Structure formats: C-alpha cells, structure tokens
Amino acid sequence: MKNQPSVSPRKALENRYNSVRYDILLIFIFTVINILLPLLTDSNTFFLFSAEVPYYIFAIGWAMVEGEMLSSIVYPIVLALLITVPYLLFWIFSKKRYGWMIAALVYFSIDCLFLGAVSLSLEYLAEIIFHLVALGLLIYGVVLGAKLKKMPEDEPLAEALATEEIPSEEEQ
C-alpha cells in the first residue's frame, strides 16, 4: 500500500480559507433567492444564511406594491440586488487577497448591526443566531487569511520530489 502524501500545513489552511470563501458565496446566493423567490412563487420561504438589509429593502418595496402594479417593485429589487452584489465581489476577489475577506467581514457586520437594531426580539432569534454564526465564520476567514499571508509558499511538488534523498543502490 502506497503512502499518500499528507496535505501541507499551507494547503490545509488554504482549504479552510476557501471554505469560508464559499460561505460568502452562499450568503450572496441565499440573499438573491430571498429577493426573487416571492416574485416567482408568491412564497414566504426565507433562507436565514443571508444578508438582512437587501431583504428588508425588498420587503418594504413589496409591502408598498398596490394591487397588481408590479412595476413599482422594480426599484426596490434593483436596489436590493445592488446591495447584494458586493458579496459576490468579496467571494471572487478574496481568492487572491484576504483584504477582501476583511471587507466582507465589515460589510456583513453592518448587516448584523442593522438586524440587531430592527429585530432584537425572540421572534428573530433564529435569524440572529445564523447571523452570529456567519459573522464568526467571516472572522475565522480573516484570521486564516492573515496566517496564510505570513506563511511561506509551498514548494512545487516536482521540486519537492527532486530534493528528496533517494537512496542509491549501494545504500539499499
């Protein structure tokens, strides 16, 4: 049985960092679904792992729609989606620079403050818990990004294999 090479410490940190990056993508996706789902299905379904501010903007616009005048909902939808787009940008650009992870943390922290200001009651306990979990994950991502920045790059596998000592026939 061959020994499989273990994952380097840097690669392990990169994997955890990328996991947090995908959490940012999930926040983006679930927020977009929260905005568009009521329009498409007239559903009250709401994903908790999402941003609150864009949904509130949409919900206020939805509440103001009178009768069947869906044209008046266009501006709140566009505004809500524009406020959601930074999460997609944070996900894309945090791959190369962890400063974007810091920006995602700050942006989501503002969303958390908004949630705390408008809905600090037991009725919103699940939303608050999910926001705190997401906030913790983003903090963890910033910590991982800082560690990765300080950590030296792994040497390529070909170089690592070439530098390993291969015992000569005489030593065997």
N, C-alpha and C. Protein backbone atom coordinates (compact mmCIF):
# COMPACT_ATOMS: atom_id res chain seq x y z
N MET A 1 0.84 -1.17 0.00
CA MET A 1 0.00 0.00 0.00
C MET A 1 0.89 1.24 0.00
N LYS A 2 0.64 2.13 -0.92
CA LYS A 2 1.45 3.35 -1.02
C LYS A 2 1.01 4.35 0.03
N ASN A 3 2.00 5.03 0.56
CA ASN A 3 1.69 6.13 1.48
C ASN A 3 1.28 7.33 0.67
N GLN A 4 0.12 7.85 0.96
CA GLN A 4 -0.32 9.04 0.25
C GLN A 4 0.30 10.25 0.92
N PRO A 5 0.75 11.21 0.12
CA PRO A 5 1.37 12.38 0.73
C PRO A 5 0.35 13.14 1.57
N SER A 6 0.80 13.57 2.73
CA SER A 6 -0.10 14.34 3.59
C SER A 6 -0.21 15.77 3.04
N VAL A 7 -1.28 16.41 3.41
CA VAL A 7 -1.52 17.77 2.96
C VAL A 7 -0.59 18.69 3.76
N SER A 8 0.03 19.60 3.06
CA SER A 8 0.94 20.53 3.75
C SER A 8 0.12 21.45 4.65
N PRO A 9 0.76 22.02 5.68
CA PRO A 9 0.04 22.95 6.56
C PRO A 9 -0.55 24.12 5.79
N ARG A 10 0.17 24.61 4.79
CA ARG A 10 -0.34 25.73 4.00
C ARG A 10 -1.59 25.31 3.22
N LYS A 11 -1.54 24.13 2.63
CA LYS A 11 -2.69 23.65 1.85
C LYS A 11 -3.90 23.45 2.75
N ALA A 12 -3.68 22.96 3.96
CA ALA A 12 -4.79 22.77 4.91
C ALA A 12 -5.43 24.12 5.25
N LEU A 13 -4.60 25.14 5.49
CA LEU A 13 -5.13 26.48 5.77
C LEU A 13 -5.86 27.05 4.56
N GLU A 14 -5.31 26.83 3.37
CA GLU A 14 -5.97 27.30 2.15
C GLU A 14 -7.34 26.64 1.98
N ASN A 15 -7.42 25.36 2.29
CA ASN A 15 -8.71 24.66 2.17
C ASN A 15 -9.74 25.24 3.13
N ARG A 16 -9.32 25.51 4.37
CA ARG A 16 -10.25 26.11 5.34
C ARG A 16 -10.64 27.52 4.93
N TYR A 17 -9.67 28.29 4.41
CA TYR A 17 -9.94 29.65 3.95
C TYR A 17 -10.95 29.62 2.79
N ASN A 18 -10.75 28.70 1.85
CA ASN A 18 -11.67 28.59 0.72
C ASN A 18 -13.06 28.17 1.16
N SER A 19 -13.14 27.38 2.22
CA SER A 19 -14.44 27.01 2.76
C SER A 19 -15.19 28.25 3.25
N VAL A 20 -14.49 29.15 3.91
CA VAL A 20 -15.12 30.39 4.37
C VAL A 20 -15.49 31.26 3.16
N ARG A 21 -14.66 31.25 2.13
CA ARG A 21 -14.99 32.00 0.92
C ARG A 21 -16.32 31.51 0.34
N TYR A 22 -16.52 30.20 0.34
CA TYR A 22 -17.78 29.67 -0.18
C TYR A 22 -18.97 30.03 0.71
N ASP A 23 -18.72 30.28 1.98
CA ASP A 23 -19.79 30.78 2.84
C ASP A 23 -20.24 32.16 2.37
N ILE A 24 -19.30 32.97 1.92
CA ILE A 24 -19.66 34.29 1.37
C ILE A 24 -20.53 34.10 0.12
N LEU A 25 -20.15 33.16 -0.71
CA LEU A 25 -20.95 32.88 -1.91
C LEU A 25 -22.36 32.41 -1.53
N LEU A 26 -22.46 31.60 -0.49
CA LEU A 26 -23.78 31.15 -0.03
C LEU A 26 -24.63 32.31 0.47
N ILE A 27 -24.01 33.24 1.17
CA ILE A 27 -24.74 34.43 1.64
C ILE A 27 -25.29 35.18 0.42
N PHE A 28 -24.47 35.34 -0.60
CA PHE A 28 -24.91 36.01 -1.83
C PHE A 28 -26.08 35.26 -2.47
N ILE A 29 -25.92 33.94 -2.66
CA ILE A 29 -26.95 33.14 -3.34
C ILE A 29 -28.25 33.15 -2.57
N PHE A 30 -28.19 32.92 -1.26
CA PHE A 30 -29.41 32.88 -0.46
C PHE A 30 -30.10 34.24 -0.39
N THR A 31 -29.32 35.31 -0.40
CA THR A 31 -29.92 36.65 -0.39
C THR A 31 -30.65 36.90 -1.70
N VAL A 32 -30.03 36.54 -2.82
CA VAL A 32 -30.70 36.71 -4.12
C VAL A 32 -31.97 35.86 -4.18
N ILE A 33 -31.90 34.64 -3.68
CA ILE A 33 -33.11 33.79 -3.66
C ILE A 33 -34.19 34.44 -2.79
N ASN A 34 -33.80 34.97 -1.64
CA ASN A 34 -34.78 35.63 -0.76
C ASN A 34 -35.47 36.80 -1.45
N ILE A 35 -34.74 37.49 -2.31
CA ILE A 35 -35.30 38.64 -3.01
C ILE A 35 -36.21 38.20 -4.15
N LEU A 36 -35.79 37.18 -4.90
CA LEU A 36 -36.52 36.79 -6.11
C LEU A 36 -37.63 35.75 -5.88
N LEU A 37 -37.48 34.93 -4.86
CA LEU A 37 -38.45 33.84 -4.65
C LEU A 37 -39.88 34.33 -4.45
N PRO A 38 -40.13 35.37 -3.67
CA PRO A 38 -41.52 35.82 -3.54
C PRO A 38 -42.13 36.29 -4.86
N LEU A 39 -41.30 36.84 -5.72
CA LEU A 39 -41.81 37.28 -7.03
C LEU A 39 -42.18 36.11 -7.92
N LEU A 40 -41.37 35.06 -7.86
CA LEU A 40 -41.55 33.94 -8.77
C LEU A 40 -42.58 32.93 -8.28
N THR A 41 -42.70 32.78 -6.97
CA THR A 41 -43.58 31.72 -6.45
C THR A 41 -44.62 32.22 -5.47
N ASP A 42 -44.61 33.48 -5.13
CA ASP A 42 -45.50 34.04 -4.13
C ASP A 42 -45.39 33.24 -2.82
N SER A 43 -44.13 32.92 -2.48
CA SER A 43 -43.83 32.10 -1.32
C SER A 43 -43.34 32.97 -0.17
N ASN A 44 -43.51 32.47 1.03
CA ASN A 44 -42.99 33.15 2.22
C ASN A 44 -41.73 32.49 2.73
N THR A 45 -41.10 31.64 1.93
CA THR A 45 -39.88 30.96 2.32
C THR A 45 -38.75 31.98 2.44
N PHE A 46 -37.92 31.78 3.47
CA PHE A 46 -36.83 32.72 3.73
C PHE A 46 -35.62 31.92 4.18
N PHE A 47 -34.48 32.12 3.51
CA PHE A 47 -33.24 31.47 3.91
C PHE A 47 -32.53 32.34 4.94
N LEU A 48 -32.15 31.74 6.06
CA LEU A 48 -31.57 32.50 7.16
C LEU A 48 -30.11 32.87 6.92
N PHE A 49 -29.36 32.05 6.19
CA PHE A 49 -27.94 32.32 5.96
C PHE A 49 -27.82 33.33 4.83
N SER A 50 -28.31 34.55 5.08
CA SER A 50 -28.38 35.57 4.03
C SER A 50 -28.23 36.94 4.67
N ALA A 51 -28.11 37.95 3.81
CA ALA A 51 -28.00 39.32 4.28
C ALA A 51 -29.39 39.88 4.55
N GLU A 52 -29.50 40.71 5.56
CA GLU A 52 -30.79 41.22 6.01
C GLU A 52 -31.18 42.52 5.31
N VAL A 53 -30.25 43.42 5.13
CA VAL A 53 -30.56 44.75 4.58
C VAL A 53 -31.20 44.66 3.19
N PRO A 54 -30.64 43.89 2.25
CA PRO A 54 -31.28 43.81 0.93
C PRO A 54 -32.70 43.24 1.02
N TYR A 55 -32.89 42.25 1.88
CA TYR A 55 -34.22 41.66 2.00
C TYR A 55 -35.21 42.67 2.58
N TYR A 56 -34.79 43.46 3.54
CA TYR A 56 -35.69 44.47 4.12
C TYR A 56 -36.07 45.51 3.07
N ILE A 57 -35.11 45.91 2.25
CA ILE A 57 -35.41 46.87 1.19
C ILE A 57 -36.45 46.27 0.24
N PHE A 58 -36.23 45.01 -0.14
CA PHE A 58 -37.20 44.33 -1.00
C PHE A 58 -38.56 44.23 -0.30
N ALA A 59 -38.57 43.82 0.97
CA ALA A 59 -39.83 43.60 1.69
C ALA A 59 -40.62 44.90 1.83
N ILE A 60 -39.93 46.01 2.06
CA ILE A 60 -40.62 47.30 2.14
C ILE A 60 -41.23 47.64 0.79
N GLY A 61 -40.46 47.42 -0.28
CA GLY A 61 -41.00 47.66 -1.63
C GLY A 61 -42.17 46.76 -1.94
N TRP A 62 -42.08 45.49 -1.53
CA TRP A 62 -43.15 44.53 -1.77
C TRP A 62 -44.41 44.94 -1.02
N ALA A 63 -44.24 45.42 0.20
CA ALA A 63 -45.39 45.86 1.01
C ALA A 63 -46.05 47.10 0.42
N MET A 64 -45.28 47.90 -0.30
CA MET A 64 -45.82 49.15 -0.86
C MET A 64 -46.50 48.93 -2.21
N VAL A 65 -46.33 47.74 -2.78
CA VAL A 65 -46.98 47.47 -4.06
C VAL A 65 -48.48 47.47 -3.84
N GLU A 66 -49.15 48.28 -4.63
CA GLU A 66 -50.60 48.37 -4.51
C GLU A 66 -51.24 47.59 -5.65
N GLY A 67 -52.13 46.70 -5.31
CA GLY A 67 -52.82 45.91 -6.33
C GLY A 67 -51.84 45.04 -7.08
N GLU A 68 -51.92 45.09 -8.37
CA GLU A 68 -51.07 44.28 -9.23
C GLU A 68 -50.03 45.13 -9.97
N MET A 69 -49.67 46.27 -9.40
CA MET A 69 -48.69 47.15 -10.04
C MET A 69 -47.27 46.68 -9.71
N LEU A 70 -46.83 45.62 -10.39
CA LEU A 70 -45.50 45.08 -10.13
C LEU A 70 -44.40 46.01 -10.61
N SER A 71 -44.73 46.99 -11.44
CA SER A 71 -43.69 47.92 -11.91
C SER A 71 -43.13 48.75 -10.76
N SER A 72 -43.89 48.96 -9.70
CA SER A 72 -43.39 49.76 -8.59
C SER A 72 -42.42 48.98 -7.70
N ILE A 73 -42.29 47.69 -7.92
CA ILE A 73 -41.36 46.87 -7.14
C ILE A 73 -39.98 46.83 -7.79
N VAL A 74 -39.86 47.32 -9.01
CA VAL A 74 -38.60 47.24 -9.75
C VAL A 74 -37.48 47.96 -9.01
N TYR A 75 -37.72 49.17 -8.55
CA TYR A 75 -36.65 49.93 -7.90
C TYR A 75 -36.16 49.29 -6.61
N PRO A 76 -37.04 48.82 -5.74
CA PRO A 76 -36.54 48.13 -4.54
C PRO A 76 -35.76 46.85 -4.88
N ILE A 77 -36.20 46.13 -5.91
CA ILE A 77 -35.48 44.92 -6.30
C ILE A 77 -34.08 45.26 -6.80
N VAL A 78 -34.01 46.25 -7.67
CA VAL A 78 -32.71 46.65 -8.21
C VAL A 78 -31.80 47.14 -7.09
N LEU A 79 -32.32 47.95 -6.19
CA LEU A 79 -31.52 48.45 -5.07
C LEU A 79 -31.07 47.30 -4.18
N ALA A 80 -31.96 46.37 -3.88
CA ALA A 80 -31.61 45.22 -3.04
C ALA A 80 -30.53 44.36 -3.70
N LEU A 81 -30.65 44.14 -5.01
CA LEU A 81 -29.64 43.35 -5.71
C LEU A 81 -28.30 44.08 -5.78
N LEU A 82 -28.34 45.40 -5.95
CA LEU A 82 -27.09 46.17 -5.96
C LEU A 82 -26.38 46.10 -4.61
N ILE A 83 -27.14 46.08 -3.54
CA ILE A 83 -26.55 45.97 -2.21
C ILE A 83 -26.02 44.55 -1.97
N THR A 84 -26.54 43.59 -2.69
CA THR A 84 -26.13 42.19 -2.55
C THR A 84 -24.88 41.88 -3.38
N VAL A 85 -24.67 42.56 -4.48
CA VAL A 85 -23.55 42.29 -5.39
C VAL A 85 -22.17 42.32 -4.71
N PRO A 86 -21.92 43.20 -3.74
CA PRO A 86 -20.60 43.17 -3.10
C PRO A 86 -20.22 41.81 -2.53
N TYR A 87 -21.19 41.02 -2.06
CA TYR A 87 -20.85 39.68 -1.55
C TYR A 87 -20.25 38.82 -2.66
N LEU A 88 -20.76 38.95 -3.86
CA LEU A 88 -20.19 38.22 -4.99
C LEU A 88 -18.77 38.71 -5.27
N LEU A 89 -18.58 40.01 -5.21
CA LEU A 89 -17.23 40.57 -5.43
C LEU A 89 -16.27 40.13 -4.33
N PHE A 90 -16.74 40.10 -3.08
CA PHE A 90 -15.88 39.64 -1.98
C PHE A 90 -15.46 38.20 -2.22
N TRP A 91 -16.38 37.38 -2.67
CA TRP A 91 -16.06 35.98 -2.93
C TRP A 91 -15.03 35.85 -4.07
N ILE A 92 -15.24 36.58 -5.14
CA ILE A 92 -14.35 36.48 -6.30
C ILE A 92 -12.94 36.96 -5.94
N PHE A 93 -12.85 38.14 -5.36
CA PHE A 93 -11.53 38.75 -5.16
C PHE A 93 -10.81 38.29 -3.90
N SER A 94 -11.51 37.64 -2.98
CA SER A 94 -10.83 37.14 -1.78
C SER A 94 -9.96 35.92 -2.08
N LYS A 95 -10.08 35.38 -3.27
CA LYS A 95 -9.25 34.23 -3.64
C LYS A 95 -7.77 34.62 -3.66
N LYS A 96 -7.48 35.82 -4.14
CA LYS A 96 -6.09 36.25 -4.27
C LYS A 96 -5.63 37.14 -3.10
N ARG A 97 -6.56 37.90 -2.51
CA ARG A 97 -6.18 38.85 -1.47
C ARG A 97 -7.16 38.76 -0.30
N TYR A 98 -6.62 38.49 0.87
CA TYR A 98 -7.51 38.32 2.00
C TYR A 98 -8.08 39.64 2.50
N GLY A 99 -7.61 40.75 1.99
CA GLY A 99 -8.21 42.05 2.32
C GLY A 99 -9.68 42.10 1.94
N TRP A 100 -10.05 41.36 0.92
CA TRP A 100 -11.45 41.28 0.52
C TRP A 100 -12.27 40.51 1.55
N MET A 101 -11.63 39.60 2.26
CA MET A 101 -12.30 38.89 3.34
C MET A 101 -12.58 39.87 4.49
N ILE A 102 -11.64 40.76 4.75
CA ILE A 102 -11.85 41.79 5.77
C ILE A 102 -13.02 42.69 5.36
N ALA A 103 -13.06 43.06 4.09
CA ALA A 103 -14.16 43.88 3.59
C ALA A 103 -15.50 43.16 3.76
N ALA A 104 -15.52 41.85 3.48
CA ALA A 104 -16.75 41.07 3.66
C ALA A 104 -17.17 41.06 5.12
N LEU A 105 -16.20 40.95 6.01
CA LEU A 105 -16.50 40.96 7.44
C LEU A 105 -17.11 42.29 7.86
N VAL A 106 -16.54 43.39 7.40
CA VAL A 106 -17.06 44.72 7.74
C VAL A 106 -18.47 44.90 7.17
N TYR A 107 -18.64 44.51 5.92
CA TYR A 107 -19.94 44.67 5.25
C TYR A 107 -21.02 43.84 5.95
N PHE A 108 -20.69 42.61 6.30
CA PHE A 108 -21.67 41.77 6.97
C PHE A 108 -21.90 42.24 8.41
N SER A 109 -20.88 42.82 9.04
CA SER A 109 -21.05 43.37 10.39
C SER A 109 -22.08 44.49 10.38
N ILE A 110 -22.06 45.30 9.34
CA ILE A 110 -23.07 46.37 9.20
C ILE A 110 -24.46 45.74 9.09
N ASP A 111 -24.55 44.66 8.33
CA ASP A 111 -25.82 43.95 8.20
C ASP A 111 -26.28 43.41 9.56
N CYS A 112 -25.34 42.90 10.35
CA CYS A 112 -25.66 42.39 11.69
C CYS A 112 -26.15 43.52 12.60
N LEU A 113 -25.51 44.67 12.51
CA LEU A 113 -25.95 45.81 13.32
C LEU A 113 -27.37 46.22 12.93
N PHE A 114 -27.64 46.21 11.65
CA PHE A 114 -29.00 46.52 11.19
C PHE A 114 -30.00 45.52 11.74
N LEU A 115 -29.66 44.23 11.68
CA LEU A 115 -30.55 43.21 12.20
C LEU A 115 -30.80 43.43 13.69
N GLY A 116 -29.75 43.74 14.43
CA GLY A 116 -29.90 43.99 15.86
C GLY A 116 -30.74 45.20 16.15
N ALA A 117 -30.66 46.21 15.29
CA ALA A 117 -31.42 47.44 15.51
C ALA A 117 -32.90 47.28 15.21
N VAL A 118 -33.22 46.49 14.20
CA VAL A 118 -34.63 46.40 13.79
C VAL A 118 -35.36 45.18 14.35
N SER A 119 -34.64 44.19 14.81
CA SER A 119 -35.36 42.96 15.19
C SER A 119 -34.73 42.26 16.39
N LEU A 120 -34.51 42.99 17.43
CA LEU A 120 -33.94 42.40 18.63
C LEU A 120 -35.06 41.89 19.53
N SER A 121 -35.57 40.71 19.16
CA SER A 121 -36.61 40.07 19.97
C SER A 121 -36.51 38.56 19.77
N LEU A 122 -37.19 37.81 20.60
CA LEU A 122 -37.15 36.35 20.50
C LEU A 122 -37.74 35.85 19.18
N GLU A 123 -38.58 36.65 18.59
CA GLU A 123 -39.19 36.28 17.31
C GLU A 123 -38.13 36.09 16.22
N TYR A 124 -37.05 36.82 16.33
CA TYR A 124 -35.98 36.79 15.32
C TYR A 124 -34.75 36.03 15.81
N LEU A 125 -34.91 35.21 16.84
CA LEU A 125 -33.77 34.52 17.44
C LEU A 125 -33.00 33.67 16.43
N ALA A 126 -33.70 32.93 15.58
CA ALA A 126 -33.03 32.08 14.60
C ALA A 126 -32.20 32.92 13.63
N GLU A 127 -32.75 34.04 13.18
CA GLU A 127 -32.00 34.92 12.27
C GLU A 127 -30.76 35.48 12.95
N ILE A 128 -30.91 35.87 14.20
CA ILE A 128 -29.77 36.43 14.95
C ILE A 128 -28.69 35.37 15.13
N ILE A 129 -29.09 34.14 15.45
CA ILE A 129 -28.11 33.06 15.62
C ILE A 129 -27.38 32.79 14.31
N PHE A 130 -28.10 32.71 13.21
CA PHE A 130 -27.45 32.47 11.92
C PHE A 130 -26.51 33.61 11.55
N HIS A 131 -26.90 34.83 11.85
CA HIS A 131 -26.01 35.97 11.58
C HIS A 131 -24.75 35.89 12.43
N LEU A 132 -24.89 35.50 13.67
CA LEU A 132 -23.71 35.38 14.53
C LEU A 132 -22.80 34.26 14.06
N VAL A 133 -23.37 33.16 13.59
CA VAL A 133 -22.56 32.06 13.04
C VAL A 133 -21.80 32.55 11.80
N ALA A 134 -22.50 33.22 10.90
CA ALA A 134 -21.85 33.74 9.69
C ALA A 134 -20.78 34.76 10.05
N LEU A 135 -21.04 35.59 11.02
CA LEU A 135 -20.06 36.58 11.47
C LEU A 135 -18.82 35.88 12.02
N GLY A 136 -19.03 34.84 12.82
CA GLY A 136 -17.91 34.05 13.34
C GLY A 136 -17.10 33.40 12.24
N LEU A 137 -17.77 32.90 11.22
CA LEU A 137 -17.07 32.29 10.09
C LEU A 137 -16.22 33.32 9.35
N LEU A 138 -16.77 34.51 9.17
CA LEU A 138 -16.00 35.56 8.48
C LEU A 138 -14.80 36.00 9.31
N ILE A 139 -14.96 36.08 10.62
CA ILE A 139 -13.83 36.40 11.50
C ILE A 139 -12.76 35.32 11.35
N TYR A 140 -13.19 34.06 11.35
CA TYR A 140 -12.28 32.94 11.16
C TYR A 140 -11.57 33.05 9.81
N GLY A 141 -12.28 33.45 8.78
CA GLY A 141 -11.67 33.62 7.46
C GLY A 141 -10.60 34.70 7.46
N VAL A 142 -10.83 35.78 8.18
CA VAL A 142 -9.84 36.86 8.27
C VAL A 142 -8.59 36.35 9.01
N VAL A 143 -8.80 35.59 10.08
CA VAL A 143 -7.67 35.02 10.83
C VAL A 143 -6.87 34.08 9.94
N LEU A 144 -7.57 33.22 9.20
CA LEU A 144 -6.89 32.29 8.28
C LEU A 144 -6.14 33.05 7.20
N GLY A 145 -6.75 34.11 6.66
CA GLY A 145 -6.08 34.91 5.63
C GLY A 145 -4.81 35.54 6.15
N ALA A 146 -4.84 36.03 7.38
CA ALA A 146 -3.64 36.63 7.98
C ALA A 146 -2.55 35.58 8.17
N LYS A 147 -2.93 34.38 8.61
CA LYS A 147 -1.94 33.31 8.77
C LYS A 147 -1.35 32.90 7.43
N LEU A 148 -2.20 32.82 6.40
CA LEU A 148 -1.71 32.44 5.08
C LEU A 148 -0.75 33.48 4.52
N LYS A 149 -1.03 34.74 4.80
CA LYS A 149 -0.16 35.80 4.30
C LYS A 149 1.24 35.70 4.91
N LYS A 150 1.31 35.29 6.16
CA LYS A 150 2.60 35.18 6.85
C LYS A 150 3.33 33.88 6.54
N MET A 151 2.58 32.88 6.11
CA MET A 151 3.15 31.56 5.87
C MET A 151 3.90 31.53 4.54
N PRO A 152 5.08 30.89 4.51
CA PRO A 152 5.81 30.80 3.23
C PRO A 152 5.05 29.90 2.25
N GLU A 153 5.27 30.18 0.98
CA GLU A 153 4.64 29.38 -0.08
C GLU A 153 5.19 27.96 -0.05
N ASP A 154 4.35 27.00 -0.41
CA ASP A 154 4.81 25.62 -0.55
C ASP A 154 5.66 25.54 -1.80
N GLU A 155 6.65 24.66 -1.73
CA GLU A 155 7.41 24.46 -2.96
C GLU A 155 6.63 23.52 -3.86
N PRO A 156 6.75 23.70 -5.16
CA PRO A 156 6.01 22.84 -6.09
C PRO A 156 6.36 21.37 -5.87
N LEU A 157 5.43 20.49 -6.17
CA LEU A 157 5.60 19.06 -5.92
C LEU A 157 6.81 18.48 -6.66
N ALA A 158 7.03 18.91 -7.89
CA ALA A 158 8.17 18.38 -8.67
C ALA A 158 9.48 18.71 -7.98
N GLU A 159 9.61 19.94 -7.46
CA GLU A 159 10.83 20.33 -6.76
C GLU A 159 10.98 19.57 -5.46
N ALA A 160 9.88 19.36 -4.77
CA ALA A 160 9.92 18.64 -3.50
C ALA A 160 10.37 17.20 -3.73
N LEU A 161 9.86 16.59 -4.79
CA LEU A 161 10.26 15.21 -5.08
C LEU A 161 11.72 15.15 -5.52
N ALA A 162 12.19 16.15 -6.25
CA ALA A 162 13.57 16.16 -6.73
C ALA A 162 14.55 16.36 -5.59
N THR A 163 14.15 17.06 -4.55
CA THR A 163 15.07 17.34 -3.44
C THR A 163 15.07 16.23 -2.40
N GLU A 164 14.10 15.30 -2.48
CA GLU A 164 14.11 14.18 -1.54
C GLU A 164 15.31 13.30 -1.84
N GLU A 165 15.87 12.79 -0.79
CA GLU A 165 17.01 11.91 -0.96
C GLU A 165 16.53 10.54 -1.40
N ILE A 166 17.06 10.10 -2.50
CA ILE A 166 16.73 8.77 -3.00
C ILE A 166 17.94 7.90 -2.69
N PRO A 167 17.73 6.86 -1.93
CA PRO A 167 18.89 6.00 -1.56
C PRO A 167 19.47 5.33 -2.82
N SER A 168 20.77 5.34 -2.88
CA SER A 168 21.42 4.68 -4.02
C SER A 168 21.34 3.17 -3.83
N GLU A 169 21.69 2.45 -4.88
CA GLU A 169 21.61 1.00 -4.83
C GLU A 169 22.57 0.46 -3.77
N GLU A 170 23.69 1.16 -3.57
CA GLU A 170 24.67 0.69 -2.60
C GLU A 170 24.14 0.78 -1.18
N GLU A 171 23.29 1.82 -0.91
CA GLU A 171 22.76 2.03 0.44
C GLU A 171 21.63 1.06 0.73
N GLN A 172 20.99 0.52 -0.28
CA GLN A 172 19.85 -0.36 -0.08
C GLN A 172 20.27 -1.69 0.36
